[in-house]
């Protein structure tokens, strides 16, 4: 049985979301032409939390979308014979917007590459940035986060699992 180590708890989550929201606002000097798109599943919930935090700070409601990237992955045949495809929901035009993709864990960079490809099917943003909760290293593609919660030193065979209350019943980051 694999041993699990709890890296972040609910309070840590709140602090990180608050910090990332402030960093986004500082870098963008506000919210003009800014939108968040969460990568399903857990990035979707994190994007909504960031939007809520930005609303608390600036009293501005950002557009928020969610995106399924399974058909854009270059490794979906390694994951499953039939990928589960869920609907994407981006209820605003991405054209000329500054889009922040939101995901839970950055690892090889392949998920983010797939997300950028998927986003381009919705239009042409003026800029794409990345916000993540945990960076575990081991890139295969030259992708880095613009906004990051924590860095977790891992071996390639270890797993970093993010749990979010809305989907998993609690907030935690676990190292297995």
Protein backbone atom coordinates (compact mmCIF):
# COMPACT_ATOMS: atom_id res chain seq x y z
CA UNK A 1 0.00 0.00 0.00
CA UNK A 2 1.29 3.45 -0.92
CA UNK A 3 1.87 5.88 1.90
CA UNK A 4 0.12 9.25 1.53
CA UNK A 5 1.56 12.44 2.92
CA UNK A 6 -0.70 15.45 3.38
CA UNK A 7 1.07 18.50 1.93
CA UNK A 8 -1.72 21.12 2.04
CA UNK A 9 -4.91 21.43 4.05
CA UNK A 10 -8.02 23.62 3.77
CA UNK A 11 -6.41 26.69 5.37
CA UNK A 12 -3.39 26.35 3.08
CA UNK A 13 -5.77 26.25 0.09
CA UNK A 14 -7.45 29.49 1.17
CA UNK A 15 -4.13 31.26 1.63
CA UNK A 16 -2.82 30.12 -1.74
CA UNK A 17 -5.99 31.11 -3.62
CA UNK A 18 -5.90 34.53 -1.93
CA UNK A 19 -2.21 34.99 -2.79
CA UNK A 20 -2.66 33.95 -6.42
CA UNK A 21 -5.68 36.27 -6.78
CA UNK A 22 -3.59 39.19 -5.50
CA UNK A 23 -0.72 38.28 -7.83
CA UNK A 24 -3.07 38.19 -10.83
CA UNK A 25 -4.52 41.58 -9.96
CA UNK A 26 -1.09 43.09 -9.36
CA UNK A 27 0.37 41.77 -12.61
CA UNK A 28 -2.66 42.78 -14.69
CA UNK A 29 -3.24 46.05 -12.83
CA UNK A 30 -6.91 45.19 -12.57
CA UNK A 31 -9.27 42.98 -14.51
CA UNK A 32 -9.80 44.59 -17.94
CA UNK A 33 -10.12 41.90 -20.66
CA UNK A 34 -9.24 39.21 -18.11
CA UNK A 35 -10.97 35.81 -17.89
CA UNK A 36 -10.32 32.47 -16.17
CA UNK A 37 -10.70 29.06 -17.80
CA UNK A 38 -10.43 26.00 -15.58
CA UNK A 39 -9.19 22.70 -16.95
CA UNK A 40 -11.65 20.01 -15.92
CA UNK A 41 -12.04 18.64 -13.38
CA UNK A 42 -10.27 20.23 -10.44
CA UNK A 43 -8.92 23.25 -12.33
CA UNK A 44 -12.53 24.16 -13.00
CA UNK A 45 -13.26 24.45 -9.27
CA UNK A 46 -10.02 26.32 -8.61
CA UNK A 47 -10.88 28.86 -11.35
CA UNK A 48 -14.24 29.52 -9.69
CA UNK A 49 -12.53 30.02 -6.33
CA UNK A 50 -10.04 32.46 -7.85
CA UNK A 51 -12.90 34.40 -9.45
CA UNK A 52 -14.71 34.54 -6.09
CA UNK A 53 -11.56 35.79 -4.36
CA UNK A 54 -10.96 38.43 -7.05
CA UNK A 55 -14.57 39.52 -6.61
CA UNK A 56 -13.99 39.94 -2.86
CA UNK A 57 -10.87 42.03 -3.48
CA UNK A 58 -11.96 44.17 -6.46
CA UNK A 59 -15.77 43.81 -6.47
CA UNK A 60 -15.52 42.70 -10.12
CA UNK A 61 -17.01 39.59 -11.63
CA UNK A 62 -14.61 37.90 -14.03
CA UNK A 63 -15.82 35.66 -16.84
CA UNK A 64 -15.11 32.04 -15.93
CA UNK A 65 -15.21 29.03 -18.20
CA UNK A 66 -14.34 25.37 -18.00
CA UNK A 67 -12.73 23.20 -20.60
CA UNK A 68 -12.44 19.49 -21.25
CA UNK A 69 -9.16 18.75 -23.02
CA UNK A 70 -9.29 14.95 -23.28
CA UNK A 71 -9.60 14.84 -27.08
CA UNK A 72 -6.64 17.22 -27.41
CA UNK A 73 -4.25 15.11 -25.34
CA UNK A 74 -1.45 13.37 -27.21
CA UNK A 75 -1.50 10.54 -24.67
CA UNK A 76 -5.21 9.71 -24.39
CA UNK A 77 -4.68 6.27 -25.92
CA UNK A 78 -2.31 5.47 -23.05
CA UNK A 79 -4.93 6.55 -20.50
CA UNK A 80 -7.98 4.76 -21.92
CA UNK A 81 -9.35 3.11 -25.04
CA UNK A 82 -12.25 5.56 -25.03
CA UNK A 83 -11.60 8.94 -23.43
CA UNK A 84 -14.39 10.39 -21.34
CA UNK A 85 -15.40 13.62 -23.03
CA UNK A 86 -17.33 16.19 -21.06
CA UNK A 87 -18.72 19.42 -22.43
CA UNK A 88 -16.61 22.53 -22.30
CA UNK A 89 -18.36 25.69 -21.20
CA UNK A 90 -16.81 29.00 -22.17
CA UNK A 91 -19.79 31.39 -22.19
CA UNK A 92 -17.83 34.40 -23.47
CA UNK A 93 -15.69 35.27 -26.45
CA UNK A 94 -12.00 34.57 -25.88
CA UNK A 95 -11.00 36.83 -28.77
CA UNK A 96 -8.57 39.53 -27.61
CA UNK A 97 -9.00 38.43 -23.99
CA UNK A 98 -6.21 37.73 -21.53
CA UNK A 99 -7.00 34.16 -20.51
CA UNK A 100 -5.61 32.52 -17.42
CA UNK A 101 -5.78 28.74 -17.66
CA UNK A 102 -6.23 27.22 -14.20
CA UNK A 103 -5.20 23.69 -13.29
CA UNK A 104 -4.39 21.76 -10.14
CA UNK A 105 -1.00 20.18 -10.87
CA UNK A 106 1.68 21.02 -13.43
CA UNK A 107 3.79 17.97 -14.29
CA UNK A 108 4.98 17.18 -17.84
CA UNK A 109 3.28 20.17 -19.49
CA UNK A 110 1.24 17.99 -21.85
CA UNK A 111 -2.11 18.87 -20.25
CA UNK A 112 -1.40 22.58 -20.66
CA UNK A 113 -0.31 22.12 -24.29
CA UNK A 114 -3.60 20.31 -24.93
CA UNK A 115 -5.51 23.08 -23.13
CA UNK A 116 -3.91 25.76 -25.30
CA UNK A 117 -4.85 23.81 -28.43
CA UNK A 118 -8.43 23.42 -27.18
CA UNK A 119 -8.67 27.11 -26.25
CA UNK A 120 -7.67 28.16 -29.78
CA UNK A 121 -10.77 26.37 -31.09
CA UNK A 122 -12.80 28.98 -29.17
CA UNK A 123 -10.99 31.99 -30.66
CA UNK A 124 -7.77 33.95 -30.44
CA UNK A 125 -6.88 35.33 -27.03
CA UNK A 126 -4.40 38.18 -26.85
CA UNK A 127 -2.50 36.35 -24.12
CA UNK A 128 -2.60 32.99 -22.31
CA UNK A 129 -1.19 32.56 -18.82
CA UNK A 130 -1.21 29.67 -16.39
CA UNK A 131 -2.20 29.47 -12.72
CA UNK A 132 -1.65 26.22 -10.86
CA UNK A 133 -1.93 25.00 -7.31
CA UNK A 134 1.10 22.66 -7.31
CA UNK A 135 4.15 22.30 -9.53
CA UNK A 136 5.80 18.90 -9.26
CA UNK A 137 8.46 19.37 -11.94
CA UNK A 138 9.60 16.76 -14.48
CA UNK A 139 8.64 18.75 -17.61
CA UNK A 140 8.60 17.14 -21.02
CA UNK A 141 7.56 20.41 -22.70
CA UNK A 142 8.83 23.96 -22.13
CA UNK A 143 5.85 25.16 -20.10
CA UNK A 144 5.90 27.06 -16.82
CA UNK A 145 3.30 28.60 -14.54
CA UNK A 146 2.79 32.35 -14.29
CA UNK A 147 1.02 31.98 -10.93
CA UNK A 148 1.81 29.07 -8.63
CA UNK A 149 0.80 27.89 -5.19
CA UNK A 150 3.57 25.49 -4.17
CA UNK A 151 6.44 23.49 -5.59
CA UNK A 152 6.50 19.83 -4.57
CA UNK A 153 9.73 17.91 -4.99
CA UNK A 154 8.83 14.49 -6.34
CA UNK A 155 10.31 11.45 -7.95
CA UNK A 156 8.75 10.64 -11.34
CA UNK A 157 6.99 7.56 -9.91
CA UNK A 158 5.30 9.57 -7.13
CA UNK A 159 1.85 11.10 -7.53
CA UNK A 160 0.57 14.49 -6.40
CA UNK A 161 -3.19 14.35 -5.90
CA UNK A 162 -5.24 17.49 -5.37
CA UNK A 163 -8.58 17.10 -3.63
CA UNK A 164 -11.16 19.89 -3.76
CA UNK A 165 -14.16 20.11 -1.49
CA UNK A 166 -16.63 20.60 -4.36
CA UNK A 167 -15.61 17.30 -5.98
CA UNK A 168 -13.87 15.24 -3.28
CA UNK A 169 -15.48 16.40 -0.05
CA UNK A 170 -12.34 18.06 1.33
CA UNK A 171 -9.43 20.28 0.35
CA UNK A 172 -6.00 18.67 0.44
CA UNK A 173 -2.88 18.00 -1.58
CA UNK A 174 -1.48 14.51 -1.09
CA UNK A 175 1.86 13.08 -2.08
CA UNK A 176 1.82 9.33 -2.77
